[in-house]
Each structure stands twice: as structure tokens, then as C-alpha cells.
N, C-alpha and C. Protein backbone atom coordinates (compact mmCIF):
# COMPACT_ATOMS: atom_id res chain seq x y z
N MET A 1 64.63 15.83 -107.70
CA MET A 1 65.35 16.03 -106.27
C MET A 1 64.25 16.24 -105.37
N ASP A 2 64.67 15.63 -104.14
CA ASP A 2 63.45 15.88 -102.98
C ASP A 2 64.05 17.14 -102.08
N TYR A 3 63.84 18.22 -102.30
CA TYR A 3 64.39 19.28 -101.62
C TYR A 3 63.93 19.47 -100.28
N ALA A 4 62.99 19.21 -99.77
CA ALA A 4 62.36 18.93 -98.40
C ALA A 4 63.54 18.24 -97.61
N LEU A 5 63.74 16.86 -98.06
CA LEU A 5 64.56 15.89 -97.54
C LEU A 5 65.83 16.52 -97.52
N ALA A 6 66.34 17.17 -98.73
CA ALA A 6 67.71 18.06 -98.69
C ALA A 6 67.89 18.99 -97.54
N ARG A 7 66.65 19.79 -97.20
CA ARG A 7 66.65 20.78 -96.23
C ARG A 7 66.85 19.89 -95.06
N MET A 8 66.03 19.15 -94.67
CA MET A 8 65.92 18.40 -93.41
C MET A 8 67.71 17.85 -93.36
N ASN A 9 68.19 17.15 -93.96
CA ASN A 9 69.63 16.73 -94.19
C ASN A 9 70.44 17.87 -94.03
N MET A 10 70.26 19.22 -94.65
CA MET A 10 71.38 20.25 -94.14
C MET A 10 71.25 20.64 -92.78
N VAL A 11 69.84 20.52 -92.05
CA VAL A 11 69.83 21.08 -90.84
C VAL A 11 70.61 20.00 -89.94
N GLU A 12 70.02 18.62 -90.23
CA GLU A 12 70.51 17.86 -89.05
C GLU A 12 72.02 17.19 -89.22
N GLN A 13 72.58 17.22 -90.29
CA GLN A 13 73.75 16.96 -90.51
C GLN A 13 75.07 17.97 -90.42
N GLN A 14 74.36 19.07 -91.10
CA GLN A 14 75.41 20.23 -91.08
C GLN A 14 75.29 21.35 -89.91
N VAL A 15 74.16 21.94 -89.92
CA VAL A 15 73.76 23.10 -88.98
C VAL A 15 73.79 22.94 -87.68
N ARG A 16 72.83 21.61 -87.33
CA ARG A 16 72.90 21.07 -86.00
C ARG A 16 74.09 20.91 -85.34
N PRO A 17 75.03 20.10 -85.98
CA PRO A 17 76.26 19.75 -85.23
C PRO A 17 77.26 20.82 -85.34
N TRP A 18 76.95 21.90 -85.71
CA TRP A 18 77.73 23.32 -85.68
C TRP A 18 77.29 23.73 -84.42
N ASP A 19 76.48 23.33 -83.25
CA ASP A 19 76.03 23.68 -82.34
C ASP A 19 75.08 24.89 -82.49
N VAL A 20 74.18 25.01 -83.64
CA VAL A 20 72.94 25.71 -83.59
C VAL A 20 71.84 24.92 -82.93
N LEU A 21 71.64 25.34 -82.03
CA LEU A 21 70.41 24.52 -81.33
C LEU A 21 69.23 25.55 -81.24
N ASP A 22 69.17 26.72 -81.75
CA ASP A 22 68.13 27.68 -81.61
C ASP A 22 66.99 27.02 -82.33
N MET A 23 65.83 26.72 -81.84
CA MET A 23 64.88 26.35 -82.58
C MET A 23 64.11 27.32 -83.86
N ARG A 24 64.13 28.27 -83.46
CA ARG A 24 63.43 29.30 -84.08
C ARG A 24 64.54 29.20 -85.58
N VAL A 25 65.97 29.31 -85.20
CA VAL A 25 66.85 29.31 -86.37
C VAL A 25 66.77 28.11 -87.30
N LEU A 26 66.63 26.99 -86.46
CA LEU A 26 66.56 25.52 -87.28
C LEU A 26 65.22 25.41 -88.09
N ASP A 27 64.05 25.84 -87.42
CA ASP A 27 62.81 25.98 -88.23
C ASP A 27 62.53 26.70 -89.24
N VAL A 28 63.32 27.81 -89.50
CA VAL A 28 63.54 28.72 -90.67
C VAL A 28 64.26 27.92 -91.55
N MET A 29 65.43 27.57 -91.14
CA MET A 29 66.42 26.73 -92.12
C MET A 29 65.77 25.84 -92.88
N GLU A 30 64.94 24.77 -91.88
CA GLU A 30 64.43 23.52 -92.29
C GLU A 30 63.09 23.82 -93.46
N THR A 31 62.42 24.95 -93.40
CA THR A 31 61.19 25.42 -93.86
C THR A 31 61.57 26.29 -95.17
N LEU A 32 62.56 27.16 -95.15
CA LEU A 32 62.76 28.30 -96.46
C LEU A 32 63.51 27.24 -97.42
N PRO A 33 62.86 27.48 -98.41
CA PRO A 33 63.49 26.81 -100.11
C PRO A 33 64.68 27.52 -100.36
N ARG A 34 65.72 27.05 -99.86
CA ARG A 34 67.05 27.81 -100.32
C ARG A 34 67.35 27.74 -101.84
N GLU A 35 66.98 26.43 -102.45
CA GLU A 35 66.95 26.32 -103.94
C GLU A 35 66.39 27.41 -104.47
N GLN A 36 65.74 27.96 -103.85
CA GLN A 36 65.03 29.21 -104.74
C GLN A 36 65.70 30.62 -105.21
N PHE A 37 66.72 30.23 -104.09
CA PHE A 37 67.61 31.41 -104.05
C PHE A 37 68.91 31.34 -104.89
N MET A 38 69.03 30.14 -105.23
CA MET A 38 70.21 29.91 -106.23
C MET A 38 70.21 30.25 -107.52
N PRO A 39 71.23 30.56 -108.19
CA PRO A 39 71.31 30.73 -109.76
C PRO A 39 70.88 29.28 -110.18
N GLU A 40 69.87 29.17 -111.16
CA GLU A 40 69.13 27.86 -111.74
C GLU A 40 70.26 26.69 -112.01
N PRO A 41 71.51 26.86 -112.39
CA PRO A 41 72.41 25.72 -112.71
C PRO A 41 72.95 25.14 -111.17
N TYR A 42 72.87 25.86 -110.53
CA TYR A 42 73.34 25.44 -109.10
C TYR A 42 72.19 24.99 -107.81
N GLN A 43 71.13 25.11 -108.07
CA GLN A 43 69.93 24.58 -107.32
C GLN A 43 69.89 23.51 -106.75
N ALA A 44 70.40 22.55 -107.77
CA ALA A 44 70.63 21.19 -106.89
C ALA A 44 71.55 21.13 -105.74
N LEU A 45 72.61 22.15 -105.60
CA LEU A 45 73.91 22.15 -104.73
C LEU A 45 73.44 23.16 -103.58
N ALA A 46 72.07 23.41 -103.68
CA ALA A 46 71.57 24.26 -102.57
C ALA A 46 71.87 24.02 -101.03
N TYR A 47 71.61 22.76 -100.88
CA TYR A 47 71.97 22.24 -99.60
C TYR A 47 73.28 21.50 -99.29
N ALA A 48 74.28 21.66 -100.59
CA ALA A 48 75.61 21.22 -100.18
C ALA A 48 76.14 21.73 -99.11
N ASP A 49 77.37 21.49 -98.44
CA ASP A 49 78.05 22.23 -97.28
C ASP A 49 79.59 22.86 -98.32
N SER A 50 78.89 23.82 -99.02
CA SER A 50 79.54 24.58 -99.99
C SER A 50 79.57 25.65 -100.34
N GLU A 51 80.37 26.85 -100.65
CA GLU A 51 80.11 28.25 -101.31
C GLU A 51 79.32 28.04 -102.67
N ILE A 52 78.65 28.61 -103.27
CA ILE A 52 78.11 28.66 -104.32
C ILE A 52 78.02 29.80 -104.96
N PRO A 53 78.47 30.11 -106.37
CA PRO A 53 78.86 31.34 -106.90
C PRO A 53 77.50 31.87 -107.39
N LEU A 54 77.43 33.29 -107.27
CA LEU A 54 76.19 33.92 -107.64
C LEU A 54 76.55 34.79 -108.88
N GLY A 55 77.77 35.27 -109.30
CA GLY A 55 78.30 35.84 -110.44
C GLY A 55 78.83 37.12 -109.83
N HIS A 56 79.47 37.86 -110.89
CA HIS A 56 80.36 38.84 -110.33
C HIS A 56 81.40 38.60 -109.16
N ASP A 57 81.79 37.48 -109.07
CA ASP A 57 82.77 36.96 -108.28
C ASP A 57 82.26 37.07 -106.75
N GLU A 58 81.03 36.65 -106.52
CA GLU A 58 80.37 36.66 -105.38
C GLU A 58 79.64 35.26 -104.94
N TYR A 59 79.84 35.01 -103.92
CA TYR A 59 79.33 33.56 -103.32
C TYR A 59 78.69 33.49 -102.17
N THR A 60 77.87 32.52 -101.79
CA THR A 60 77.03 32.41 -100.85
C THR A 60 77.85 31.89 -99.80
N LEU A 61 77.44 32.28 -98.27
CA LEU A 61 77.97 31.63 -97.16
C LEU A 61 77.58 30.32 -97.20
N LEU A 62 78.43 29.55 -96.36
CA LEU A 62 78.15 28.00 -96.06
C LEU A 62 77.03 28.05 -95.19
N PRO A 63 75.75 27.24 -95.21
CA PRO A 63 74.77 26.77 -94.58
C PRO A 63 75.23 27.05 -92.87
N VAL A 64 76.30 26.27 -92.59
CA VAL A 64 76.87 26.43 -91.11
C VAL A 64 77.23 27.63 -90.53
N VAL A 65 77.51 28.45 -91.26
CA VAL A 65 77.91 29.88 -90.87
C VAL A 65 76.57 30.77 -90.95
N ILE A 66 75.71 30.26 -91.86
CA ILE A 66 74.51 31.07 -91.51
C ILE A 66 73.89 30.86 -90.38
N GLY A 67 73.74 29.35 -90.17
CA GLY A 67 72.84 28.85 -89.18
C GLY A 67 73.59 29.50 -87.71
N ARG A 68 75.17 29.69 -87.52
CA ARG A 68 75.68 30.30 -86.33
C ARG A 68 75.27 31.74 -86.30
N LEU A 69 75.53 32.58 -87.33
CA LEU A 69 75.40 33.95 -87.32
C LEU A 69 74.10 34.19 -86.91
N LEU A 70 72.80 33.41 -87.39
CA LEU A 70 71.28 33.88 -87.06
C LEU A 70 71.25 33.65 -85.92
N GLN A 71 71.86 32.28 -84.95
CA GLN A 71 71.91 32.00 -83.91
C GLN A 71 72.38 33.07 -82.88
N ALA A 72 73.72 33.75 -83.25
CA ALA A 72 74.32 34.85 -82.50
C ALA A 72 73.49 36.19 -82.36
N VAL A 73 72.92 36.54 -83.34
CA VAL A 73 72.11 37.94 -83.41
C VAL A 73 70.99 37.52 -83.17
N ALA A 74 70.40 36.44 -82.76
CA ALA A 74 68.88 36.14 -82.33
C ALA A 74 67.97 37.13 -82.32
N PRO A 75 67.55 37.23 -83.81
CA PRO A 75 66.78 38.16 -83.97
C PRO A 75 65.21 38.02 -83.45
N GLN A 76 64.53 39.08 -82.63
CA GLN A 76 63.30 38.81 -82.30
C GLN A 76 62.32 39.57 -83.28
N PRO A 77 60.72 38.86 -83.11
CA PRO A 77 59.84 39.36 -83.85
C PRO A 77 59.56 40.83 -83.95
N THR A 78 60.09 41.55 -82.67
CA THR A 78 60.02 43.11 -82.78
C THR A 78 61.35 43.98 -83.46
N ASP A 79 62.21 43.06 -83.78
CA ASP A 79 63.12 43.70 -84.12
C ASP A 79 63.57 44.28 -85.41
N THR A 80 64.51 45.37 -85.65
CA THR A 80 64.75 46.00 -87.06
C THR A 80 66.23 45.48 -87.33
N VAL A 81 66.29 45.19 -88.46
CA VAL A 81 67.44 44.43 -88.95
C VAL A 81 68.16 45.15 -90.13
N LEU A 82 69.55 45.35 -90.07
CA LEU A 82 70.52 45.74 -91.08
C LEU A 82 71.36 44.60 -91.67
N GLU A 83 71.18 44.36 -93.01
CA GLU A 83 72.06 43.64 -93.55
C GLU A 83 72.92 44.23 -94.50
N ILE A 84 74.25 43.91 -94.69
CA ILE A 84 74.99 44.40 -95.44
C ILE A 84 75.54 43.15 -96.21
N GLY A 85 75.26 43.31 -97.67
CA GLY A 85 75.24 42.12 -98.62
C GLY A 85 74.38 41.26 -98.77
N THR A 86 73.44 41.59 -99.66
CA THR A 86 72.07 40.83 -99.88
C THR A 86 72.44 39.75 -100.53
N GLY A 87 73.43 39.64 -101.49
CA GLY A 87 73.78 38.33 -102.37
C GLY A 87 72.51 37.72 -102.87
N SER A 88 72.42 36.48 -102.42
CA SER A 88 71.32 35.55 -103.10
C SER A 88 69.97 35.94 -102.82
N GLY A 89 70.04 36.64 -101.48
CA GLY A 89 68.62 37.28 -100.56
C GLY A 89 68.20 36.01 -99.70
N TYR A 90 68.86 34.80 -99.66
CA TYR A 90 68.59 33.90 -98.64
C TYR A 90 68.66 34.10 -97.34
N VAL A 91 69.91 34.85 -96.98
CA VAL A 91 70.15 35.37 -95.53
C VAL A 91 68.94 36.77 -95.03
N THR A 92 68.67 37.12 -96.08
CA THR A 92 67.76 38.28 -95.78
C THR A 92 66.54 37.74 -95.68
N ALA A 93 66.01 36.67 -96.31
CA ALA A 93 64.84 35.98 -96.10
C ALA A 93 64.59 35.46 -94.64
N CYS A 94 65.69 34.56 -94.20
CA CYS A 94 65.90 34.11 -93.18
C CYS A 94 65.72 35.16 -92.06
N LEU A 95 66.34 36.12 -91.90
CA LEU A 95 66.16 37.39 -91.22
C LEU A 95 64.78 38.06 -91.17
N ALA A 96 64.22 37.95 -92.28
CA ALA A 96 62.89 38.50 -92.62
C ALA A 96 61.94 37.41 -91.59
N ARG A 97 62.13 36.27 -91.64
CA ARG A 97 61.36 35.09 -91.27
C ARG A 97 61.30 35.35 -89.55
N LEU A 98 62.38 35.94 -88.94
CA LEU A 98 62.76 36.12 -87.85
C LEU A 98 62.29 37.42 -87.05
N ALA A 99 62.71 38.54 -87.60
CA ALA A 99 62.44 39.78 -87.37
C ALA A 99 61.24 40.39 -87.92
N ALA A 100 61.12 41.77 -87.58
CA ALA A 100 59.99 42.67 -87.93
C ALA A 100 60.29 43.31 -89.44
N GLN A 101 61.60 43.60 -89.73
CA GLN A 101 61.90 44.48 -90.66
C GLN A 101 63.43 44.22 -90.91
N VAL A 102 63.70 43.78 -92.23
CA VAL A 102 64.79 43.93 -92.72
C VAL A 102 65.27 44.90 -93.84
N ASP A 103 66.25 45.91 -93.60
CA ASP A 103 67.13 46.69 -94.54
C ASP A 103 67.97 46.15 -94.98
N SER A 104 68.30 45.77 -96.18
CA SER A 104 69.53 45.15 -96.92
C SER A 104 70.14 45.79 -97.83
N VAL A 105 71.53 45.84 -97.85
CA VAL A 105 72.17 46.48 -98.78
C VAL A 105 73.11 45.84 -99.68
N GLU A 106 72.88 45.88 -100.84
CA GLU A 106 73.93 45.11 -102.08
C GLU A 106 74.48 46.39 -103.00
N ARG A 107 75.65 46.04 -103.33
CA ARG A 107 76.46 46.96 -104.07
C ARG A 107 76.26 46.72 -105.79
N ILE A 108 75.95 45.59 -105.96
CA ILE A 108 75.42 45.05 -107.17
C ILE A 108 74.27 45.09 -107.54
N ASP A 109 73.74 45.97 -108.48
CA ASP A 109 72.32 46.02 -108.64
C ASP A 109 71.72 44.69 -109.39
N GLU A 110 72.39 44.14 -109.98
CA GLU A 110 71.80 42.60 -110.80
C GLU A 110 71.51 41.82 -109.45
N LEU A 111 72.45 41.66 -108.54
CA LEU A 111 72.21 40.69 -107.42
C LEU A 111 70.85 40.96 -106.59
N ARG A 112 70.90 42.49 -106.33
CA ARG A 112 69.78 42.93 -105.34
C ARG A 112 68.23 43.06 -106.22
N LEU A 113 68.30 43.02 -107.49
CA LEU A 113 66.95 43.02 -108.11
C LEU A 113 66.82 41.44 -108.17
N ALA A 114 67.68 40.58 -108.45
CA ALA A 114 67.27 38.96 -108.37
C ALA A 114 66.82 38.78 -107.06
N ALA A 115 67.32 39.26 -105.73
CA ALA A 115 67.34 38.83 -104.80
C ALA A 115 65.50 39.45 -104.41
N ARG A 116 65.51 40.48 -104.75
CA ARG A 116 64.22 40.99 -104.36
C ARG A 116 63.05 40.24 -105.25
N ASN A 117 63.18 39.92 -106.32
CA ASN A 117 62.17 39.07 -107.17
C ASN A 117 61.91 37.64 -106.13
N ARG A 118 63.08 37.07 -105.74
CA ARG A 118 62.92 35.99 -105.15
C ARG A 118 62.13 36.16 -103.79
N LEU A 119 62.35 37.07 -103.22
CA LEU A 119 61.62 37.52 -101.80
C LEU A 119 60.12 37.86 -102.10
N THR A 120 59.92 38.36 -103.02
CA THR A 120 58.53 38.86 -103.72
C THR A 120 57.84 37.40 -103.98
N ALA A 121 58.50 36.44 -104.63
CA ALA A 121 57.82 35.34 -105.37
C ALA A 121 57.74 34.57 -104.00
N LEU A 122 57.77 34.79 -102.73
CA LEU A 122 57.90 34.01 -101.74
C LEU A 122 56.85 34.43 -100.50
N GLY A 123 56.48 35.80 -101.04
CA GLY A 123 55.71 36.66 -100.44
C GLY A 123 56.20 37.26 -98.98
N ILE A 124 57.62 37.34 -99.11
CA ILE A 124 58.33 38.19 -97.84
C ILE A 124 58.42 39.60 -98.39
N GLU A 125 57.30 40.20 -97.37
CA GLU A 125 57.29 41.65 -97.69
C GLU A 125 57.89 42.46 -96.76
N ASN A 126 58.58 42.10 -95.81
CA ASN A 126 59.17 42.87 -94.58
C ASN A 126 60.67 42.77 -95.06
N ALA A 127 61.18 42.88 -96.07
CA ALA A 127 62.70 43.08 -96.18
C ALA A 127 62.58 43.83 -97.27
N ASN A 128 63.70 44.88 -97.48
CA ASN A 128 63.72 46.02 -98.64
C ASN A 128 65.10 46.17 -98.98
N PRO A 129 65.69 45.26 -100.14
CA PRO A 129 66.88 45.27 -100.64
C PRO A 129 67.18 46.62 -101.28
N ARG A 130 68.03 47.41 -101.26
CA ARG A 130 68.45 48.51 -102.03
C ARG A 130 69.82 48.37 -102.31
N THR A 131 70.31 49.19 -103.42
CA THR A 131 71.68 49.12 -103.94
C THR A 131 72.36 50.30 -103.22
N ALA A 132 73.40 50.05 -102.72
CA ALA A 132 74.26 51.10 -102.25
C ALA A 132 76.20 50.51 -102.10
N THR A 133 76.92 51.32 -102.14
CA THR A 133 78.28 50.71 -101.46
C THR A 133 78.43 51.20 -100.18
N VAL A 134 78.95 50.40 -99.49
CA VAL A 134 79.03 50.64 -97.88
C VAL A 134 80.49 51.06 -97.70
N THR A 135 80.53 52.17 -97.09
CA THR A 135 81.96 52.80 -96.77
C THR A 135 81.76 53.20 -95.28
N PRO A 136 82.87 53.62 -94.67
CA PRO A 136 82.85 54.20 -93.22
C PRO A 136 81.97 55.15 -93.15
N ASP A 137 82.08 56.15 -94.30
CA ASP A 137 81.06 57.31 -94.26
C ASP A 137 79.76 57.26 -94.86
N TRP A 138 79.20 55.79 -94.99
CA TRP A 138 78.08 55.75 -95.13
C TRP A 138 77.05 55.73 -94.22
N ALA A 139 75.96 56.30 -94.39
CA ALA A 139 74.74 56.35 -93.29
C ALA A 139 73.70 55.03 -93.65
N PRO A 140 73.29 54.31 -92.89
CA PRO A 140 72.22 53.33 -93.14
C PRO A 140 70.60 54.16 -93.18
N PRO A 141 69.57 53.66 -93.80
CA PRO A 141 68.21 54.40 -93.63
C PRO A 141 67.77 54.48 -92.80
N ARG A 142 68.09 53.97 -91.23
CA ARG A 142 67.39 54.17 -89.86
C ARG A 142 68.50 54.56 -89.15
N PRO A 143 68.29 55.47 -87.98
CA PRO A 143 69.31 55.94 -87.24
C PRO A 143 69.76 54.73 -86.21
N ARG A 144 68.84 53.77 -85.85
CA ARG A 144 69.23 52.52 -85.17
C ARG A 144 68.67 51.24 -85.41
N TYR A 145 69.45 50.30 -85.32
CA TYR A 145 69.11 48.94 -85.40
C TYR A 145 69.12 48.12 -84.24
N ASP A 146 68.43 46.95 -84.04
CA ASP A 146 68.61 45.99 -83.11
C ASP A 146 69.50 44.82 -83.38
N VAL A 147 69.52 44.84 -84.78
CA VAL A 147 70.41 43.74 -85.33
C VAL A 147 71.27 44.12 -86.36
N VAL A 148 72.74 44.03 -86.76
CA VAL A 148 73.37 44.50 -87.94
C VAL A 148 74.19 43.20 -88.34
N VAL A 149 74.20 42.34 -89.41
CA VAL A 149 74.71 41.51 -90.12
C VAL A 149 75.53 41.78 -91.29
N LEU A 150 76.78 41.64 -91.27
CA LEU A 150 77.53 41.76 -92.40
C LEU A 150 77.86 40.26 -93.09
N THR A 151 77.49 39.92 -94.38
CA THR A 151 77.96 38.74 -94.66
C THR A 151 78.98 38.61 -95.58
N GLY A 152 79.72 39.66 -95.81
CA GLY A 152 81.06 39.71 -96.08
C GLY A 152 81.89 40.20 -95.02
N GLY A 153 83.24 39.88 -95.38
CA GLY A 153 84.21 40.22 -94.31
C GLY A 153 85.04 41.29 -94.12
N MET A 154 85.58 41.70 -93.07
CA MET A 154 86.54 42.81 -92.88
C MET A 154 87.99 42.18 -92.31
N VAL A 155 89.00 42.59 -93.38
CA VAL A 155 90.24 42.20 -92.87
C VAL A 155 90.71 43.07 -91.59
N GLU A 156 90.73 44.01 -91.80
CA GLU A 156 90.70 45.06 -90.58
C GLU A 156 89.23 45.62 -90.12
N TYR A 157 88.80 44.87 -88.86
CA TYR A 157 87.55 45.28 -88.75
C TYR A 157 87.31 46.96 -88.18
N ASP A 158 86.60 47.49 -89.15
CA ASP A 158 86.03 49.04 -88.74
C ASP A 158 84.88 48.93 -87.67
N ASP A 159 84.87 50.14 -86.91
CA ASP A 159 83.39 49.84 -85.86
C ASP A 159 82.37 50.63 -86.37
N PHE A 160 82.48 51.42 -87.55
CA PHE A 160 81.63 52.63 -87.79
C PHE A 160 80.05 52.21 -87.73
N LEU A 161 79.74 50.81 -87.77
CA LEU A 161 78.22 50.47 -87.62
C LEU A 161 77.86 50.30 -86.32
N GLU A 162 78.71 50.17 -85.29
CA GLU A 162 78.36 50.15 -84.06
C GLU A 162 77.65 51.19 -83.40
N SER A 163 77.52 52.37 -83.68
CA SER A 163 76.98 53.57 -83.46
C SER A 163 75.40 53.51 -83.93
N TYR A 164 75.03 52.50 -85.15
CA TYR A 164 73.87 52.53 -85.28
C TYR A 164 73.06 51.35 -84.58
N LEU A 165 73.68 50.70 -83.61
CA LEU A 165 73.26 49.78 -82.52
C LEU A 165 72.28 50.34 -81.32
N THR A 166 70.88 49.86 -81.23
CA THR A 166 70.44 50.12 -80.22
C THR A 166 70.88 49.51 -78.85
N LEU A 167 70.77 49.98 -77.68
CA LEU A 167 70.99 49.17 -76.37
C LEU A 167 70.58 48.19 -76.50
N GLY A 168 71.86 47.03 -76.47
CA GLY A 168 71.60 45.65 -76.27
C GLY A 168 71.35 45.09 -77.98
N GLY A 169 71.83 45.90 -78.78
CA GLY A 169 71.82 45.52 -79.97
C GLY A 169 73.15 44.73 -80.29
N ARG A 170 72.84 43.88 -81.67
CA ARG A 170 74.07 42.95 -81.78
C ARG A 170 74.26 43.15 -83.36
N LEU A 171 75.65 42.89 -83.29
CA LEU A 171 76.45 43.00 -84.64
C LEU A 171 77.03 41.71 -84.91
N PHE A 172 77.21 41.15 -86.17
CA PHE A 172 77.58 40.03 -86.68
C PHE A 172 78.77 40.24 -87.71
N VAL A 173 79.95 40.14 -87.65
CA VAL A 173 80.66 40.48 -88.47
C VAL A 173 82.15 39.41 -88.75
N ILE A 174 82.47 38.89 -90.02
CA ILE A 174 83.66 37.79 -90.10
C ILE A 174 84.93 38.97 -90.36
N ALA A 175 85.92 38.88 -89.52
CA ALA A 175 87.00 39.68 -89.43
C ALA A 175 88.45 39.08 -89.32
N GLY A 176 89.32 39.50 -90.09
CA GLY A 176 90.73 39.06 -89.85
C GLY A 176 91.26 38.61 -91.22
N ASP A 177 92.69 38.33 -91.25
CA ASP A 177 93.43 38.24 -92.32
C ASP A 177 93.80 37.00 -92.27
N GLY A 178 94.41 36.60 -93.40
CA GLY A 178 95.18 35.05 -93.48
C GLY A 178 94.31 33.97 -93.79
N PRO A 179 94.77 32.72 -93.59
CA PRO A 179 93.82 31.67 -94.00
C PRO A 179 92.49 31.41 -92.99
N ILE A 180 92.68 32.24 -91.84
CA ILE A 180 91.71 32.08 -90.89
C ILE A 180 90.98 33.41 -90.25
N MET A 181 89.76 33.43 -90.47
CA MET A 181 89.25 34.44 -90.06
C MET A 181 88.13 34.22 -88.77
N GLN A 182 87.69 35.42 -87.99
CA GLN A 182 86.73 35.28 -86.90
C GLN A 182 85.37 35.71 -86.95
N GLY A 183 84.34 34.77 -86.83
CA GLY A 183 82.99 35.19 -86.63
C GLY A 183 83.02 35.81 -85.45
N ARG A 184 82.61 37.12 -85.34
CA ARG A 184 82.45 38.15 -83.93
C ARG A 184 81.43 38.37 -83.91
N LEU A 185 80.34 38.40 -82.67
CA LEU A 185 79.22 39.24 -82.07
C LEU A 185 79.75 40.14 -81.28
N ILE A 186 79.43 41.51 -81.47
CA ILE A 186 79.39 42.78 -80.70
C ILE A 186 78.33 43.17 -80.24
N THR A 187 78.16 43.33 -79.00
CA THR A 187 76.44 43.77 -78.50
C THR A 187 77.06 44.99 -77.87
N ARG A 188 76.06 45.92 -78.23
CA ARG A 188 76.25 47.18 -77.58
C ARG A 188 75.64 47.42 -76.18
N THR A 189 76.29 47.61 -75.00
CA THR A 189 76.13 47.01 -73.72
C THR A 189 75.72 48.76 -72.94
N THR A 190 76.28 50.02 -73.48
CA THR A 190 76.00 51.10 -72.90
C THR A 190 75.73 51.83 -74.13
N GLU A 191 75.68 53.21 -74.25
CA GLU A 191 75.88 54.26 -75.21
C GLU A 191 77.14 54.07 -75.55
N ASP A 192 78.31 54.16 -74.61
CA ASP A 192 79.68 54.04 -74.86
C ASP A 192 80.34 53.10 -74.76
N ASP A 193 79.94 51.84 -74.58
CA ASP A 193 80.55 50.63 -74.63
C ASP A 193 80.17 49.31 -75.21
N THR A 194 80.70 48.62 -75.82
CA THR A 194 80.23 47.40 -76.36
C THR A 194 80.99 45.86 -75.83
N ARG A 195 80.68 44.85 -76.12
CA ARG A 195 81.20 43.28 -75.69
C ARG A 195 81.45 42.96 -76.80
N ASP A 196 82.37 42.29 -77.18
CA ASP A 196 83.06 41.63 -78.31
C ASP A 196 83.31 40.35 -78.36
N GLU A 197 82.60 39.30 -78.83
CA GLU A 197 82.70 37.71 -78.43
C GLU A 197 83.29 37.22 -79.74
N ILE A 198 84.35 36.53 -79.65
CA ILE A 198 84.70 35.45 -80.74
C ILE A 198 84.15 34.09 -80.78
N LEU A 199 83.23 34.00 -81.83
CA LEU A 199 82.42 32.62 -81.64
C LEU A 199 82.94 31.42 -82.67
N PHE A 200 83.36 31.77 -83.68
CA PHE A 200 83.95 30.59 -84.43
C PHE A 200 84.98 31.18 -85.64
N GLU A 201 85.67 30.04 -86.16
CA GLU A 201 86.62 30.35 -87.29
C GLU A 201 86.18 30.07 -88.55
N THR A 202 86.35 30.83 -89.49
CA THR A 202 85.75 30.53 -90.74
C THR A 202 86.74 31.47 -91.81
N ARG A 203 86.20 31.32 -93.07
CA ARG A 203 86.99 32.41 -94.09
C ARG A 203 85.84 32.90 -94.97
N VAL A 204 86.02 34.16 -95.15
CA VAL A 204 84.93 34.37 -96.38
C VAL A 204 85.49 35.65 -97.46
N LYS A 205 85.06 36.34 -98.53
CA LYS A 205 85.46 36.99 -99.12
C LYS A 205 85.45 38.54 -98.37
N PRO A 206 86.15 39.44 -98.44
CA PRO A 206 86.26 40.41 -97.70
C PRO A 206 85.10 41.47 -98.48
N LEU A 207 84.33 42.16 -97.56
CA LEU A 207 83.51 43.32 -98.48
C LEU A 207 84.57 44.23 -99.26
N VAL A 208 83.87 44.53 -100.59
CA VAL A 208 84.86 45.61 -101.36
C VAL A 208 84.94 46.92 -100.41
N GLY A 209 85.97 47.35 -100.27
CA GLY A 209 86.60 48.49 -99.54
C GLY A 209 86.97 47.95 -98.35
N PHE A 210 86.97 46.67 -97.74
CA PHE A 210 87.49 46.43 -96.58
C PHE A 210 88.34 45.43 -96.68
N GLU A 211 89.13 45.10 -97.96
CA GLU A 211 89.95 43.86 -98.18
C GLU A 211 91.36 44.45 -97.53
N ALA A 212 92.37 43.54 -97.70
CA ALA A 212 93.93 43.79 -97.14
C ALA A 212 94.34 44.83 -97.96
N GLN A 213 95.24 45.96 -97.41
CA GLN A 213 95.72 47.13 -98.04
C GLN A 213 97.02 46.68 -98.39
N PRO A 214 97.57 47.16 -99.47
CA PRO A 214 98.63 46.61 -99.93
C PRO A 214 99.96 47.22 -98.93
N ALA A 215 100.87 46.55 -98.73
CA ALA A 215 102.01 46.79 -97.72
C ALA A 215 102.61 48.32 -98.31
N PHE A 216 103.07 48.75 -97.59
CA PHE A 216 103.68 50.45 -97.75
C PHE A 216 105.39 49.88 -98.02
N GLU A 217 105.42 50.33 -99.35
CA GLU A 217 106.89 50.04 -99.84
C GLU A 217 107.76 51.68 -99.94
N PHE A 218 109.12 51.65 -99.17
CA PHE A 218 109.93 52.78 -99.28
C PHE A 218 110.46 52.85 -100.69
């Protein structure tokens, strides 16, 4: 299989038509070998417009969603990034190519180890995957981040990560219930205020601990 051609087709036929026009983002997605982040049985599907199973009932994000989220948070070469949900490590690698440092958190240690090995194999040294279960009382490794990305969803949005944003910092999350969820960009405008933008509609699996709660029954 010609993976270079598949990467170009993914960018030109899937990602760019979804209004991803940031050339830094497009260049990263066209050059980073996504197939190397997929479980071996699914490498040939790395550039398909579909979710790919990673094991443990976890899945990749669609390439178009990755493109939109990268464009939205716009990581700069001096930025420090917090990623919740390492998964395959592909988004981690994209962020690492665009930013100065990435702290990535994954609750499943097997996935974290596999992602770390893939990052190391590609010589990506500015990403640090670690194992942890994120809850509203969890504290990240650093006091502030320029970018926060959640690769899993929240049925009910919890703003506990906003306090870790720098001024001008950007947080991406997919939130909502039902068949449609919303990709949202939250920007810290002052120490006490944020701006919340709805970017697009999609659906992803909620993060563990942030699923729909059972209805109360009398």
C-alpha cells in the first residue's frame, strides 16, 4: 500500500473539505505516518474516514475531527499542551510536532505504553504520556497550559480544567448527549472569564467518569 499517497488523499479528500485550512496542521497530517499508530491488523485502514478500534473498547478519532481540533487550538511552537486521552498516540504526535511540550494522560496503561513506544520510534521526544484516571479533583502535572485537548467526550461539560489554562489558553472538548455532540473551543479571556464557541457536530465515546448518569427513580 502506498501510505504517502493515502496520507495525501486523507488530507485533500477528507480533512481540507472539512474547512481545515491551517497549513501547519495540514502539513503535519500529511507527513506524520498515521499507520504506525494503528494496531497492526488495522494499519491499512489508517487513512479511512472511520474510527479504528484500539482495544479495551477504545477507538481513534476521525481524521476530520483531529484536523478541526488541531486547527481550533492552534498550538504554537512555544506552547505547552495537556492532552486527556492518549489513545493510539497519533494526536499526541500531531500536538508534539506543533507545540513545545505535550503532557498526555491515558487511564489504560497498555495503551499508554504502546503510544510511548510509537512516539519513541519516530524520535518524538517532547511528549510525555503518563497513566492516570482523570476526575474533577485530579490535578495535572503543571499549574498552567496554553492548550488543553480532550480526545474523549463529556456528556455534561465540567469546567474543572479551565483553571489550568493560561490567559489566552484554548481548551477543546466534545460535549453533549444523544446522537449529536458538539465540538467546543473554550478560550480563557481573563482570570475570571472564558469564551465558549461551538465549532461542529460529531459524536465520540465519553471519557470514563463523564458518561451519562442514570436517571433518578423514585
